């Protein structure tokens, strides 16, 4: 006689299907992320990480500049002073960024909201400007009919 294995219980079968589905989804997500990274480059980091990158880039740029104001008089000495000031500024800024990364995320979000509010206000004002008539004489209040009726229309003489 052959050995028979008992049929898997329905709960075990569902668990295996769920694991297979989760695994397939995770693989698809990883492949999509890799495709996007290859196409667009790495995604931006948090606001704190981006600020650190900015500080590093500015520090590198300032350290590499030669001052045209000082010319050849103070060349290497002036560059050394600039490097020292840049390093001191970096040393002061980086601990603040490391201790408060969430603050910079909130500041970035608030900046985005302020920009959206400004954009909305400007668009509203532009719509009011473009809705006006070309002839400023048409906007004079003395041209309005102040007499009969309550409508916004003007009296037109047909004679």
Protein backbone atom coordinates (compact mmCIF):
# COMPACT_ATOMS: atom_id res chain seq x y z
CA UNK A 1 0.00 0.00 0.00
CA UNK A 2 1.08 3.52 -0.64
CA UNK A 3 1.32 6.09 2.05
CA UNK A 4 -1.26 8.74 1.83
CA UNK A 5 -0.65 12.21 3.03
CA UNK A 6 -3.53 13.95 4.63
CA UNK A 7 -4.94 16.80 2.62
CA UNK A 8 -3.83 20.20 3.90
CA UNK A 9 -6.35 21.99 5.97
CA UNK A 10 -7.99 25.03 4.37
CA UNK A 11 -6.36 27.42 6.88
CA UNK A 12 -2.87 26.15 5.99
CA UNK A 13 -3.61 26.52 2.29
CA UNK A 14 -4.81 30.11 2.77
CA UNK A 15 -1.73 30.96 4.83
CA UNK A 16 0.53 29.58 2.09
CA UNK A 17 -1.40 31.58 -0.54
CA UNK A 18 -1.20 34.74 1.57
CA UNK A 19 2.55 34.30 2.00
CA UNK A 20 3.00 33.72 -1.72
CA UNK A 21 0.91 36.81 -2.48
CA UNK A 22 2.84 38.95 0.01
CA UNK A 23 6.14 37.67 -1.38
CA UNK A 24 5.10 38.41 -4.96
CA UNK A 25 3.92 41.90 -3.99
CA UNK A 26 7.17 42.62 -2.17
CA UNK A 27 9.18 41.44 -5.19
CA UNK A 28 7.11 43.59 -7.55
CA UNK A 29 7.48 46.61 -5.27
CA UNK A 30 11.25 46.14 -5.04
CA UNK A 31 11.51 45.81 -8.82
CA UNK A 32 9.43 48.98 -9.34
CA UNK A 33 11.56 50.91 -6.84
CA UNK A 34 14.73 49.75 -8.59
CA UNK A 35 13.30 50.79 -11.97
CA UNK A 36 12.39 54.25 -10.67
CA UNK A 37 15.80 54.71 -9.03
CA UNK A 38 17.46 53.79 -12.32
CA UNK A 39 15.21 56.18 -14.26
CA UNK A 40 15.06 59.17 -11.88
CA UNK A 41 17.96 58.67 -9.51
CA UNK A 42 17.69 58.12 -5.77
CA UNK A 43 14.63 59.59 -4.05
CA UNK A 44 15.19 62.66 -1.88
CA UNK A 45 15.79 62.00 1.77
CA UNK A 46 14.23 63.69 4.72
CA UNK A 47 14.46 67.45 5.06
CA UNK A 48 17.25 67.05 7.62
CA UNK A 49 19.31 64.86 5.27
CA UNK A 50 18.79 67.30 2.41
CA UNK A 51 19.84 70.21 4.64
CA UNK A 52 23.02 68.33 5.59
CA UNK A 53 23.77 67.78 1.89
CA UNK A 54 23.21 71.49 1.23
CA UNK A 55 25.50 72.51 4.08
CA UNK A 56 28.19 70.13 2.82
CA UNK A 57 27.88 71.39 -0.76
CA UNK A 58 28.03 75.05 0.29
CA UNK A 59 30.97 74.35 2.59
CA UNK A 60 32.86 72.57 -0.21
CA UNK A 61 32.12 75.38 -2.65
CA UNK A 62 33.18 78.11 -0.23
CA UNK A 63 36.35 76.26 0.70
CA UNK A 64 37.34 75.92 -2.93
CA UNK A 65 36.74 79.57 -3.91
CA UNK A 66 39.55 82.02 -4.32
CA UNK A 67 38.65 85.47 -3.16
CA UNK A 68 38.89 88.02 -5.99
CA UNK A 69 38.63 90.83 -3.45
CA UNK A 70 41.88 89.95 -1.74
CA UNK A 71 43.69 89.11 -4.94
CA UNK A 72 47.19 87.76 -4.56
CA UNK A 73 47.88 89.61 -1.32
CA UNK A 74 46.46 87.19 1.20
CA UNK A 75 45.87 84.09 -1.01
CA UNK A 76 46.64 80.99 1.09
CA UNK A 77 46.06 82.72 4.44
CA UNK A 78 42.62 83.97 3.38
CA UNK A 79 41.67 80.54 2.06
CA UNK A 80 42.68 78.98 5.37
CA UNK A 81 40.53 81.47 7.29
CA UNK A 82 37.56 80.73 5.00
CA UNK A 83 37.99 76.97 5.51
CA UNK A 84 38.18 77.44 9.27
CA UNK A 85 35.01 79.56 9.35
CA UNK A 86 33.18 77.04 7.17
CA UNK A 87 34.22 74.15 9.41
CA UNK A 88 33.08 76.05 12.52
CA UNK A 89 29.71 76.78 10.91
CA UNK A 90 29.32 73.11 9.94
CA UNK A 91 30.23 72.03 13.45
CA UNK A 92 27.56 74.34 14.86
CA UNK A 93 24.80 73.37 12.40
CA UNK A 94 25.17 69.58 12.15
CA UNK A 95 24.40 68.76 15.82
CA UNK A 96 21.23 70.83 15.61
CA UNK A 97 20.16 68.92 12.50
CA UNK A 98 20.99 65.57 14.11
CA UNK A 99 19.05 66.31 17.30
CA UNK A 100 15.95 67.75 15.60
CA UNK A 101 15.33 66.02 12.25
CA UNK A 102 11.54 66.19 12.66
CA UNK A 103 11.65 69.97 13.03
CA UNK A 104 13.09 70.30 9.54
CA UNK A 105 10.41 68.01 8.11
CA UNK A 106 7.75 70.20 9.73
CA UNK A 107 9.43 73.36 8.44
CA UNK A 108 9.53 71.91 4.93
CA UNK A 109 5.83 71.01 5.12
CA UNK A 110 4.97 74.48 6.45
CA UNK A 111 6.97 76.07 3.65
CA UNK A 112 5.02 74.02 1.11
CA UNK A 113 1.73 75.14 2.65
CA UNK A 114 2.83 78.79 2.64
CA UNK A 115 3.78 78.49 -1.01
CA UNK A 116 0.38 76.97 -1.84
CA UNK A 117 -1.41 79.78 0.03
CA UNK A 118 0.66 82.43 -1.77
CA UNK A 119 0.00 80.80 -5.13
CA UNK A 120 -3.73 80.73 -4.40
CA UNK A 121 -3.75 84.41 -3.42
CA UNK A 122 -1.83 85.43 -6.53
CA UNK A 123 -4.09 83.42 -8.82
CA UNK A 124 -7.16 84.99 -7.23
CA UNK A 125 -5.75 88.48 -7.72
CA UNK A 126 -4.82 87.73 -11.32
CA UNK A 127 -8.35 86.56 -12.01
CA UNK A 128 -9.74 89.81 -10.59
CA UNK A 129 -7.32 91.85 -12.70
CA UNK A 130 -8.13 90.02 -15.91
CA UNK A 131 -11.88 90.14 -15.29
CA UNK A 132 -11.91 93.95 -15.36
CA UNK A 133 -12.89 95.73 -18.56
CA UNK A 134 -10.33 97.40 -20.73
CA UNK A 135 -11.93 100.87 -20.47
CA UNK A 136 -11.51 102.35 -16.98
CA UNK A 137 -14.35 104.81 -17.71
CA UNK A 138 -16.76 101.87 -17.65
CA UNK A 139 -15.93 101.27 -13.99
CA UNK A 140 -17.00 104.75 -12.85
CA UNK A 141 -19.74 104.64 -10.21
CA UNK A 142 -21.58 107.61 -11.77
CA UNK A 143 -22.42 105.47 -14.81
CA UNK A 144 -24.54 103.11 -12.75
CA UNK A 145 -28.29 103.54 -12.64
CA UNK A 146 -29.02 104.65 -9.10
CA UNK A 147 -32.72 104.99 -9.70
CA UNK A 148 -35.22 102.28 -10.53
CA UNK A 149 -34.90 98.63 -9.68
CA UNK A 150 -32.40 96.72 -7.67
CA UNK A 151 -30.45 95.09 -10.50
CA UNK A 152 -26.88 95.82 -11.45
CA UNK A 153 -27.77 97.05 -14.97
CA UNK A 154 -27.26 100.49 -16.46
CA UNK A 155 -29.86 102.77 -18.02
CA UNK A 156 -29.59 102.87 -21.79
CA UNK A 157 -31.04 105.80 -23.74
CA UNK A 158 -32.59 104.52 -26.97
CA UNK A 159 -33.30 107.94 -28.53
